[in-house]
Amino acid sequence: MRRVRGALGGLILVLAGGAEAAPEPVHPVIACETLVGLRLLMGDGGTDHATAATRLARHPGCRSLARDRVGAAEQRAMIGGAPFECLTVADEGRCAWVLP
């Protein structure tokens, strides 16, 4: 009887461990037309993505983009030791500066 319980307990643990974790939610990318616009958004208290998203209305050159529309880096800059990238945007002729 103990062997059966032990085997069942092990089987339950194996089955429970095989369950996949829920995927991380995909957050949109916060991007601005210019690096100056991005820095102004960040200076307005928008250094994290959730806070920056709430302040987009105050910054007309900035917007939220679907992550699958954003591509490779076209330009890069360093300001105060922090890296910034202007990433290509699908179906647009220019890159957008993305909140790091």
PDB file of N, CA and C in Angstrom:
ATOM      1  N   MET A   1       0.810  -1.188   0.000  1.00  0.00           N
ATOM      2  CA  MET A   1       0.000   0.000   0.000  1.00  0.00           C
ATOM      3  C   MET A   1       0.860   1.261   0.000  1.00  0.00           C
ATOM      4  N   ARG A   2       1.958   1.238   0.767  1.00  0.00           N
ATOM      5  CA  ARG A   2       2.848   2.393   0.799  1.00  0.00           C
ATOM      6  C   ARG A   2       3.467   2.650  -0.571  1.00  0.00           C
ATOM      7  N   ARG A   3       3.801   1.564  -1.279  1.00  0.00           N
ATOM      8  CA  ARG A   3       4.389   1.719  -2.610  1.00  0.00           C
ATOM      9  C   ARG A   3       3.411   2.397  -3.564  1.00  0.00           C
ATOM     10  N   VAL A   4       2.155   2.029  -3.460  1.00  0.00           N
ATOM     11  CA  VAL A   4       1.138   2.616  -4.333  1.00  0.00           C
ATOM     12  C   VAL A   4       0.982   4.099  -4.030  1.00  0.00           C
ATOM     13  N   ARG A   5       0.905   4.449  -2.764  1.00  0.00           N
ATOM     14  CA  ARG A   5       0.787   5.863  -2.389  1.00  0.00           C
ATOM     15  C   ARG A   5       2.006   6.659  -2.848  1.00  0.00           C
ATOM     16  N   GLY A   6       3.184   6.096  -2.647  1.00  0.00           N
ATOM     17  CA  GLY A   6       4.403   6.769  -3.074  1.00  0.00           C
ATOM     18  C   GLY A   6       4.441   6.963  -4.576  1.00  0.00           C
ATOM     19  N   ALA A   7       4.039   5.953  -5.309  1.00  0.00           N
ATOM     20  CA  ALA A   7       4.015   6.056  -6.767  1.00  0.00           C
ATOM     21  C   ALA A   7       2.989   7.082  -7.224  1.00  0.00           C
ATOM     22  N   LEU A   8       1.823   7.091  -6.610  1.00  0.00           N
ATOM     23  CA  LEU A   8       0.795   8.064  -6.978  1.00  0.00           C
ATOM     24  C   LEU A   8       1.232   9.484  -6.637  1.00  0.00           C
ATOM     25  N   GLY A   9       1.867   9.641  -5.479  1.00  0.00           N
ATOM     26  CA  GLY A   9       2.364  10.966  -5.096  1.00  0.00           C
ATOM     27  C   GLY A   9       3.390  11.479  -6.078  1.00  0.00           C
ATOM     28  N   GLY A  10       4.291  10.598  -6.510  1.00  0.00           N
ATOM     29  CA  GLY A  10       5.291  10.988  -7.504  1.00  0.00           C
ATOM     30  C   GLY A  10       4.654  11.333  -8.837  1.00  0.00           C
ATOM     31  N   LEU A  11       3.633  10.573  -9.232  1.00  0.00           N
ATOM     32  CA  LEU A  11       2.933  10.837 -10.490  1.00  0.00           C
ATOM     33  C   LEU A  11       2.224  12.175 -10.434  1.00  0.00           C
ATOM     34  N   ILE A  12       1.616  12.481  -9.314  1.00  0.00           N
ATOM     35  CA  ILE A  12       0.933  13.769  -9.170  1.00  0.00           C
ATOM     36  C   ILE A  12       1.937  14.906  -9.272  1.00  0.00           C
ATOM     37  N   LEU A  13       3.099  14.779  -8.649  1.00  0.00           N
ATOM     38  CA  LEU A  13       4.124  15.813  -8.732  1.00  0.00           C
ATOM     39  C   LEU A  13       4.625  15.983 -10.156  1.00  0.00           C
ATOM     40  N   VAL A  14       4.811  14.898 -10.882  1.00  0.00           N
ATOM     41  CA  VAL A  14       5.265  14.975 -12.270  1.00  0.00           C
ATOM     42  C   VAL A  14       4.224  15.686 -13.125  1.00  0.00           C
ATOM     43  N   LEU A  15       2.957  15.319 -12.938  1.00  0.00           N
ATOM     44  CA  LEU A  15       1.898  15.957 -13.718  1.00  0.00           C
ATOM     45  C   LEU A  15       1.761  17.435 -13.381  1.00  0.00           C
ATOM     46  N   ALA A  16       1.891  17.779 -12.127  1.00  0.00           N
ATOM     47  CA  ALA A  16       1.788  19.182 -11.726  1.00  0.00           C
ATOM     48  C   ALA A  16       2.956  19.983 -12.275  1.00  0.00           C
ATOM     49  N   GLY A  17       4.135  19.401 -12.293  1.00  0.00           N
ATOM     50  CA  GLY A  17       5.308  20.096 -12.816  1.00  0.00           C
ATOM     51  C   GLY A  17       5.265  20.265 -14.319  1.00  0.00           C
ATOM     52  N   GLY A  18       4.484  19.453 -15.005  1.00  0.00           N
ATOM     53  CA  GLY A  18       4.409  19.537 -16.455  1.00  0.00           C
ATOM     54  C   GLY A  18       3.512  20.656 -16.950  1.00  0.00           C
ATOM     55  N   ALA A  19       2.752  21.264 -16.066  1.00  0.00           N
ATOM     56  CA  ALA A  19       1.877  22.351 -16.483  1.00  0.00           C
ATOM     57  C   ALA A  19       2.716  23.569 -16.846  1.00  0.00           C
ATOM     58  N   GLU A  20       2.350  24.214 -17.947  1.00  0.00           N
ATOM     59  CA  GLU A  20       3.098  25.386 -18.385  1.00  0.00           C
ATOM     60  C   GLU A  20       2.626  26.621 -17.630  1.00  0.00           C
ATOM     61  N   ALA A  21       3.564  27.495 -17.339  1.00  0.00           N
ATOM     62  CA  ALA A  21       3.230  28.745 -16.672  1.00  0.00           C
ATOM     63  C   ALA A  21       2.525  29.658 -17.677  1.00  0.00           C
ATOM     64  N   ALA A  22       1.694  30.530 -17.171  1.00  0.00           N
ATOM     65  CA  ALA A  22       1.006  31.485 -18.039  1.00  0.00           C
ATOM     66  C   ALA A  22       2.038  32.399 -18.681  1.00  0.00           C
ATOM     67  N   PRO A  23       1.890  32.707 -19.959  1.00  0.00           N
ATOM     68  CA  PRO A  23       2.862  33.575 -20.624  1.00  0.00           C
ATOM     69  C   PRO A  23       2.827  34.990 -20.057  1.00  0.00           C
ATOM     70  N   GLU A  24       3.972  35.623 -20.082  1.00  0.00           N
ATOM     71  CA  GLU A  24       4.061  37.006 -19.620  1.00  0.00           C
ATOM     72  C   GLU A  24       3.220  37.893 -20.539  1.00  0.00           C
ATOM     73  N   PRO A  25       2.504  38.868 -19.992  1.00  0.00           N
ATOM     74  CA  PRO A  25       1.734  39.761 -20.858  1.00  0.00           C
ATOM     75  C   PRO A  25       2.682  40.602 -21.708  1.00  0.00           C
ATOM     76  N   VAL A  26       2.299  40.849 -22.935  1.00  0.00           N
ATOM     77  CA  VAL A  26       3.125  41.640 -23.846  1.00  0.00           C
ATOM     78  C   VAL A  26       2.708  43.099 -23.703  1.00  0.00           C
ATOM     79  N   HIS A  27       3.616  43.906 -23.206  1.00  0.00           N
ATOM     80  CA  HIS A  27       3.340  45.320 -23.015  1.00  0.00           C
ATOM     81  C   HIS A  27       3.706  46.071 -24.288  1.00  0.00           C
ATOM     82  N   PRO A  28       2.963  47.106 -24.606  1.00  0.00           N
ATOM     83  CA  PRO A  28       3.311  47.896 -25.778  1.00  0.00           C
ATOM     84  C   PRO A  28       4.617  48.653 -25.552  1.00  0.00           C
ATOM     85  N   VAL A  29       5.184  49.128 -26.626  1.00  0.00           N
ATOM     86  CA  VAL A  29       6.427  49.890 -26.589  1.00  0.00           C
ATOM     87  C   VAL A  29       6.063  51.371 -26.553  1.00  0.00           C
ATOM     88  N   ILE A  30       6.672  52.126 -25.652  1.00  0.00           N
ATOM     89  CA  ILE A  30       6.490  53.572 -25.594  1.00  0.00           C
ATOM     90  C   ILE A  30       7.581  54.181 -26.470  1.00  0.00           C
ATOM     91  N   ALA A  31       7.181  54.979 -27.461  1.00  0.00           N
ATOM     92  CA  ALA A  31       8.145  55.539 -28.403  1.00  0.00           C
ATOM     93  C   ALA A  31       7.785  56.985 -28.733  1.00  0.00           C
ATOM     94  N   CYS A  32       8.822  57.759 -29.090  1.00  0.00           N
ATOM     95  CA  CYS A  32       8.645  59.163 -29.449  1.00  0.00           C
ATOM     96  C   CYS A  32       9.332  59.439 -30.784  1.00  0.00           C
ATOM     97  N   GLU A  33       8.849  60.466 -31.481  1.00  0.00           N
ATOM     98  CA  GLU A  33       9.413  60.827 -32.775  1.00  0.00           C
ATOM     99  C   GLU A  33      10.859  61.299 -32.651  1.00  0.00           C
ATOM    100  N   THR A  34      11.164  61.984 -31.549  1.00  0.00           N
ATOM    101  CA  THR A  34      12.511  62.514 -31.354  1.00  0.00           C
ATOM    102  C   THR A  34      13.062  62.078 -30.007  1.00  0.00           C
ATOM    103  N   LEU A  35      14.376  62.107 -29.901  1.00  0.00           N
ATOM    104  CA  LEU A  35      15.016  61.790 -28.622  1.00  0.00           C
ATOM    105  C   LEU A  35      14.693  62.867 -27.592  1.00  0.00           C
ATOM    106  N   VAL A  36      14.595  64.103 -28.041  1.00  0.00           N
ATOM    107  CA  VAL A  36      14.220  65.192 -27.128  1.00  0.00           C
ATOM    108  C   VAL A  36      12.826  64.932 -26.557  1.00  0.00           C
ATOM    109  N   GLY A  37      11.889  64.517 -27.406  1.00  0.00           N
ATOM    110  CA  GLY A  37      10.539  64.206 -26.945  1.00  0.00           C
ATOM    111  C   GLY A  37      10.529  63.078 -25.926  1.00  0.00           C
ATOM    112  N   LEU A  38      11.341  62.066 -26.161  1.00  0.00           N
ATOM    113  CA  LEU A  38      11.433  60.943 -25.219  1.00  0.00           C
ATOM    114  C   LEU A  38      12.003  61.407 -23.892  1.00  0.00           C
ATOM    115  N   ARG A  39      13.030  62.243 -23.934  1.00  0.00           N
ATOM    116  CA  ARG A  39      13.631  62.747 -22.697  1.00  0.00           C
ATOM    117  C   ARG A  39      12.648  63.628 -21.924  1.00  0.00           C
ATOM    118  N   LEU A  40      11.832  64.415 -22.642  1.00  0.00           N
ATOM    119  CA  LEU A  40      10.814  65.225 -21.976  1.00  0.00           C
ATOM    120  C   LEU A  40       9.770  64.337 -21.303  1.00  0.00           C
ATOM    121  N   LEU A  41       9.362  63.279 -21.976  1.00  0.00           N
ATOM    122  CA  LEU A  41       8.417  62.322 -21.382  1.00  0.00           C
ATOM    123  C   LEU A  41       9.017  61.698 -20.125  1.00  0.00           C
ATOM    124  N   MET A  42      10.267  61.311 -20.196  1.00  0.00           N
ATOM    125  CA  MET A  42      10.928  60.715 -19.044  1.00  0.00           C
ATOM    126  C   MET A  42      11.083  61.722 -17.906  1.00  0.00           C
ATOM    127  N   GLY A  43      11.350  62.973 -18.239  1.00  0.00           N
ATOM    128  CA  GLY A  43      11.501  64.018 -17.227  1.00  0.00           C
ATOM    129  C   GLY A  43      10.189  64.390 -16.568  1.00  0.00           C
ATOM    130  N   ASP A  44       9.076  64.025 -17.218  1.00  0.00           N
ATOM    131  CA  ASP A  44       7.746  64.303 -16.692  1.00  0.00           C
ATOM    132  C   ASP A  44       7.314  63.206 -15.719  1.00  0.00           C
ATOM    133  N   GLY A  45       8.260  62.426 -15.240  1.00  0.00           N
ATOM    134  CA  GLY A  45       7.943  61.359 -14.286  1.00  0.00           C
ATOM    135  C   GLY A  45       7.641  60.036 -14.958  1.00  0.00           C
ATOM    136  N   GLY A  46       7.948  59.914 -16.238  1.00  0.00           N
ATOM    137  CA  GLY A  46       7.619  58.702 -16.974  1.00  0.00           C
ATOM    138  C   GLY A  46       8.792  57.780 -17.202  1.00  0.00           C
ATOM    139  N   THR A  47       9.547  57.488 -16.157  1.00  0.00           N
ATOM    140  CA  THR A  47      10.712  56.630 -16.348  1.00  0.00           C
ATOM    141  C   THR A  47      10.359  55.150 -16.403  1.00  0.00           C
ATOM    142  N   ASP A  48       9.221  54.754 -15.857  1.00  0.00           N
ATOM    143  CA  ASP A  48       8.806  53.361 -16.016  1.00  0.00           C
ATOM    144  C   ASP A  48       7.647  53.331 -17.019  1.00  0.00           C
ATOM    145  N   HIS A  49       7.441  52.190 -17.631  1.00  0.00           N
ATOM    146  CA  HIS A  49       6.486  52.075 -18.740  1.00  0.00           C
ATOM    147  C   HIS A  49       5.050  52.384 -18.332  1.00  0.00           C
ATOM    148  N   ALA A  50       4.627  51.938 -17.174  1.00  0.00           N
ATOM    149  CA  ALA A  50       3.246  52.174 -16.743  1.00  0.00           C
ATOM    150  C   ALA A  50       2.988  53.663 -16.523  1.00  0.00           C
ATOM    151  N   THR A  51       3.924  54.333 -15.870  1.00  0.00           N
ATOM    152  CA  THR A  51       3.775  55.764 -15.619  1.00  0.00           C
ATOM    153  C   THR A  51       3.851  56.547 -16.921  1.00  0.00           C
ATOM    154  N   ALA A  52       4.794  56.189 -17.786  1.00  0.00           N
ATOM    155  CA  ALA A  52       4.937  56.885 -19.071  1.00  0.00           C
ATOM    156  C   ALA A  52       3.672  56.756 -19.905  1.00  0.00           C
ATOM    157  N   ALA A  53       3.036  55.603 -19.879  1.00  0.00           N
ATOM    158  CA  ALA A  53       1.815  55.385 -20.660  1.00  0.00           C
ATOM    159  C   ALA A  53       0.701  56.325 -20.216  1.00  0.00           C
ATOM    160  N   THR A  54       0.645  56.631 -18.925  1.00  0.00           N
ATOM    161  CA  THR A  54      -0.397  57.536 -18.433  1.00  0.00           C
ATOM    162  C   THR A  54      -0.130  58.985 -18.819  1.00  0.00           C
ATOM    163  N   ARG A  55       1.092  59.305 -19.196  1.00  0.00           N
ATOM    164  CA  ARG A  55       1.463  60.688 -19.530  1.00  0.00           C
ATOM    165  C   ARG A  55       1.577  60.935 -21.038  1.00  0.00           C
ATOM    166  N   LEU A  56       1.244  59.969 -21.851  1.00  0.00           N
ATOM    167  CA  LEU A  56       1.378  60.119 -23.308  1.00  0.00           C
ATOM    168  C   LEU A  56       0.538  61.267 -23.860  1.00  0.00           C
ATOM    169  N   ALA A  57      -0.618  61.522 -23.291  1.00  0.00           N
ATOM    170  CA  ALA A  57      -1.489  62.587 -23.799  1.00  0.00           C
ATOM    171  C   ALA A  57      -0.823  63.959 -23.707  1.00  0.00           C
ATOM    172  N   ARG A  58       0.068  64.138 -22.744  1.00  0.00           N
ATOM    173  CA  ARG A  58       0.780  65.412 -22.574  1.00  0.00           C
ATOM    174  C   ARG A  58       1.936  65.574 -23.560  1.00  0.00           C
ATOM    175  N   HIS A  59       2.276  64.504 -24.272  1.00  0.00           N
ATOM    176  CA  HIS A  59       3.427  64.509 -25.168  1.00  0.00           C
ATOM    177  C   HIS A  59       2.981  64.037 -26.559  1.00  0.00           C
ATOM    178  N   PRO A  60       2.525  64.981 -27.391  1.00  0.00           N
ATOM    179  CA  PRO A  60       1.937  64.599 -28.678  1.00  0.00           C
ATOM    180  C   PRO A  60       2.889  63.874 -29.634  1.00  0.00           C
ATOM    181  N   GLY A  61       4.176  64.022 -29.473  1.00  0.00           N
ATOM    182  CA  GLY A  61       5.130  63.326 -30.333  1.00  0.00           C
ATOM    183  C   GLY A  61       5.424  61.904 -29.882  1.00  0.00           C
ATOM    184  N   CYS A  62       4.789  61.483 -28.806  1.00  0.00           N
ATOM    185  CA  CYS A  62       5.026  60.148 -28.252  1.00  0.00           C
ATOM    186  C   CYS A  62       3.751  59.318 -28.349  1.00  0.00           C
ATOM    187  N   ARG A  63       3.936  58.015 -28.432  1.00  0.00           N
ATOM    188  CA  ARG A  63       2.791  57.119 -28.564  1.00  0.00           C
ATOM    189  C   ARG A  63       3.154  55.717 -28.107  1.00  0.00           C
ATOM    190  N   SER A  64       2.159  54.879 -28.075  1.00  0.00           N
ATOM    191  CA  SER A  64       2.325  53.480 -27.737  1.00  0.00           C
ATOM    192  C   SER A  64       2.271  52.669 -29.031  1.00  0.00           C
ATOM    193  N   LEU A  65       3.195  51.728 -29.180  1.00  0.00           N
ATOM    194  CA  LEU A  65       3.257  50.885 -30.378  1.00  0.00           C
ATOM    195  C   LEU A  65       3.161  49.422 -29.996  1.00  0.00           C
ATOM    196  N   ALA A  66       2.549  48.634 -30.848  1.00  0.00           N
ATOM    197  CA  ALA A  66       2.542  47.187 -30.640  1.00  0.00           C
ATOM    198  C   ALA A  66       3.962  46.674 -30.800  1.00  0.00           C
ATOM    199  N   ARG A  67       4.372  45.806 -29.913  1.00  0.00           N
ATOM    200  CA  ARG A  67       5.748  45.295 -29.916  1.00  0.00           C
ATOM    201  C   ARG A  67       6.128  44.634 -31.240  1.00  0.00           C
ATOM    202  N   ASP A  68       5.172  43.988 -31.893  1.00  0.00           N
ATOM    203  CA  ASP A  68       5.496  43.296 -33.150  1.00  0.00           C
ATOM    204  C   ASP A  68       5.729  44.257 -34.320  1.00  0.00           C
ATOM    205  N   ARG A  69       5.457  45.554 -34.133  1.00  0.00           N
ATOM    206  CA  ARG A  69       5.732  46.547 -35.177  1.00  0.00           C
ATOM    207  C   ARG A  69       7.132  47.139 -35.067  1.00  0.00           C
ATOM    208  N   VAL A  70       7.817  46.869 -33.975  1.00  0.00           N
ATOM    209  CA  VAL A  70       9.123  47.472 -33.707  1.00  0.00           C
ATOM    210  C   VAL A  70      10.227  46.507 -34.126  1.00  0.00           C
ATOM    211  N   GLY A  71      11.230  47.067 -34.836  1.00  0.00           N
ATOM    212  CA  GLY A  71      12.307  46.220 -35.343  1.00  0.00           C
ATOM    213  C   GLY A  71      13.668  46.569 -34.770  1.00  0.00           C
ATOM    214  N   ALA A  72      14.654  46.528 -35.631  1.00  0.00           N
ATOM    215  CA  ALA A  72      16.056  46.702 -35.241  1.00  0.00           C
ATOM    216  C   ALA A  72      16.405  48.172 -35.003  1.00  0.00           C
ATOM    217  N   ALA A  73      17.517  48.368 -34.301  1.00  0.00           N
ATOM    218  CA  ALA A  73      18.002  49.719 -34.014  1.00  0.00           C
ATOM    219  C   ALA A  73      18.552  50.354 -35.289  1.00  0.00           C
ATOM    220  N   GLU A  74      18.121  51.569 -35.533  1.00  0.00           N
ATOM    221  CA  GLU A  74      18.596  52.341 -36.685  1.00  0.00           C
ATOM    222  C   GLU A  74      19.599  53.396 -36.230  1.00  0.00           C
ATOM    223  N   GLN A  75      19.389  53.939 -35.024  1.00  0.00           N
ATOM    224  CA  GLN A  75      20.293  54.928 -34.439  1.00  0.00           C
ATOM    225  C   GLN A  75      20.435  54.615 -32.956  1.00  0.00           C
ATOM    226  N   ARG A  76      21.583  55.038 -32.402  1.00  0.00           N
ATOM    227  CA  ARG A  76      21.827  54.855 -30.969  1.00  0.00           C
ATOM    228  C   ARG A  76      22.455  56.116 -30.410  1.00  0.00           C
ATOM    229  N   ALA A  77      22.196  56.370 -29.128  1.00  0.00           N
ATOM    230  CA  ALA A  77      22.785  57.518 -28.437  1.00  0.00           C
ATOM    231  C   ALA A  77      22.994  57.155 -26.977  1.00  0.00           C
ATOM    232  N   MET A  78      23.981  57.793 -26.361  1.00  0.00           N
ATOM    233  CA  MET A  78      24.239  57.634 -24.927  1.00  0.00           C
ATOM    234  C   MET A  78      24.069  59.008 -24.289  1.00  0.00           C
ATOM    235  N   ILE A  79      23.241  59.069 -23.255  1.00  0.00           N
ATOM    236  CA  ILE A  79      23.046  60.318 -22.516  1.00  0.00           C
ATOM    237  C   ILE A  79      23.207  59.997 -21.044  1.00  0.00           C
ATOM    238  N   GLY A  80      24.191  60.625 -20.427  1.00  0.00           N
ATOM    239  CA  GLY A  80      24.438  60.395 -19.006  1.00  0.00           C
ATOM    240  C   GLY A  80      24.704  58.936 -18.674  1.00  0.00           C
ATOM    241  N   GLY A  81      25.304  58.211 -19.598  1.00  0.00           N
ATOM    242  CA  GLY A  81      25.613  56.805 -19.381  1.00  0.00           C
ATOM    243  C   GLY A  81      24.456  55.864 -19.681  1.00  0.00           C
ATOM    244  N   ALA A  82      23.292  56.402 -20.059  1.00  0.00           N
ATOM    245  CA  ALA A  82      22.130  55.570 -20.380  1.00  0.00           C
ATOM    246  C   ALA A  82      21.996  55.436 -21.901  1.00  0.00           C
ATOM    247  N   PRO A  83      21.812  54.209 -22.384  1.00  0.00           N
ATOM    248  CA  PRO A  83      21.676  54.009 -23.833  1.00  0.00           C
ATOM    249  C   PRO A  83      20.234  54.252 -24.303  1.00  0.00           C
ATOM    250  N   PHE A  84      20.115  54.861 -25.460  1.00  0.00           N
ATOM    251  CA  PHE A  84      18.821  55.087 -26.104  1.00  0.00           C
ATOM    252  C   PHE A  84      18.914  54.577 -27.536  1.00  0.00           C
ATOM    253  N   GLU A  85      17.799  54.031 -28.042  1.00  0.00           N
ATOM    254  CA  GLU A  85      17.785  53.496 -29.391  1.00  0.00           C
ATOM    255  C   GLU A  85      16.566  53.999 -30.158  1.00  0.00           C
ATOM    256  N   CYS A  86      16.808  54.286 -31.425  1.00  0.00           N
ATOM    257  CA  CYS A  86      15.743  54.634 -32.350  1.00  0.00           C
ATOM    258  C   CYS A  86      15.505  53.373 -33.180  1.00  0.00           C
ATOM    259  N   LEU A  87      14.367  52.722 -32.965  1.00  0.00           N
ATOM    260  CA  LEU A  87      14.087  51.447 -33.599  1.00  0.00           C
ATOM    261  C   LEU A  87      13.171  51.632 -34.806  1.00  0.00           C
ATOM    262  N   THR A  88      13.387  50.813 -35.822  1.00  0.00           N
ATOM    263  CA  THR A  88      12.540  50.876 -37.001  1.00  0.00           C
ATOM    264  C   THR A  88      11.113  50.495 -36.626  1.00  0.00           C
ATOM    265  N   VAL A  89      10.169  51.096 -37.316  1.00  0.00           N
ATOM    266  CA  VAL A  89       8.752  50.812 -37.079  1.00  0.00           C
ATOM    267  C   VAL A  89       8.161  50.339 -38.401  1.00  0.00           C
ATOM    268  N   ALA A  90       7.489  49.203 -38.381  1.00  0.00           N
ATOM    269  CA  ALA A  90       6.898  48.634 -39.584  1.00  0.00           C
ATOM    270  C   ALA A  90       5.924  49.619 -40.217  1.00  0.00           C
ATOM    271  N   ASP A  91       5.982  49.727 -41.530  1.00  0.00           N
ATOM    272  CA  ASP A  91       5.096  50.566 -42.326  1.00  0.00           C
ATOM    273  C   ASP A  91       5.285  52.071 -42.082  1.00  0.00           C
ATOM    274  N   GLU A  92       6.424  52.464 -41.550  1.00  0.00           N
ATOM    275  CA  GLU A  92       6.730  53.877 -41.349  1.00  0.00           C
ATOM    276  C   GLU A  92       8.102  54.150 -41.939  1.00  0.00           C
ATOM    277  N   GLY A  93       8.295  55.346 -42.408  1.00  0.00           N
ATOM    278  CA  GLY A  93       9.545  55.699 -43.073  1.00  0.00           C
ATOM    279  C   GLY A  93      10.674  56.086 -42.152  1.00  0.00           C
ATOM    280  N   ARG A  94      10.424  56.170 -40.867  1.00  0.00           N
ATOM    281  CA  ARG A  94      11.490  56.554 -39.933  1.00  0.00           C
ATOM    282  C   ARG A  94      11.397  55.749 -38.653  1.00  0.00           C
ATOM    283  N   CYS A  95      12.469  55.852 -37.884  1.00  0.00           N
ATOM    284  CA  CYS A  95      12.520  55.105 -36.621  1.00  0.00           C
ATOM    285  C   CYS A  95      11.842  55.908 -35.514  1.00  0.00           C
ATOM    286  N   ALA A  96      11.653  55.281 -34.376  1.00  0.00           N
ATOM    287  CA  ALA A  96      11.071  55.930 -33.191  1.00  0.00           C
ATOM    288  C   ALA A  96      11.982  55.654 -32.000  1.00  0.00           C
ATOM    289  N   TRP A  97      12.186  56.688 -31.186  1.00  0.00           N
ATOM    290  CA  TRP A  97      13.024  56.553 -29.993  1.00  0.00           C
ATOM    291  C   TRP A  97      12.214  55.857 -28.906  1.00  0.00           C
ATOM    292  N   VAL A  98      12.745  54.771 -28.395  1.00  0.00           N
ATOM    293  CA  VAL A  98      12.013  53.877 -27.503  1.00  0.00           C
ATOM    294  C   VAL A  98      12.454  54.067 -26.052  1.00  0.00           C
ATOM    295  N   LEU A  99      11.457  54.057 -25.161  1.00  0.00           N
ATOM    296  CA  LEU A  99      11.726  54.141 -23.735  1.00  0.00           C
ATOM    297  C   LEU A  99      12.515  52.910 -23.308  1.00  0.00           C
ATOM    298  N   PRO A 100      13.716  53.109 -22.710  1.00  0.00           N
ATOM    299  CA  PRO A 100      14.532  51.938 -22.323  1.00  0.00           C
ATOM    300  C   PRO A 100      13.917  51.145 -21.174  1.00  0.00           C
TER     301      PRO A 100
END
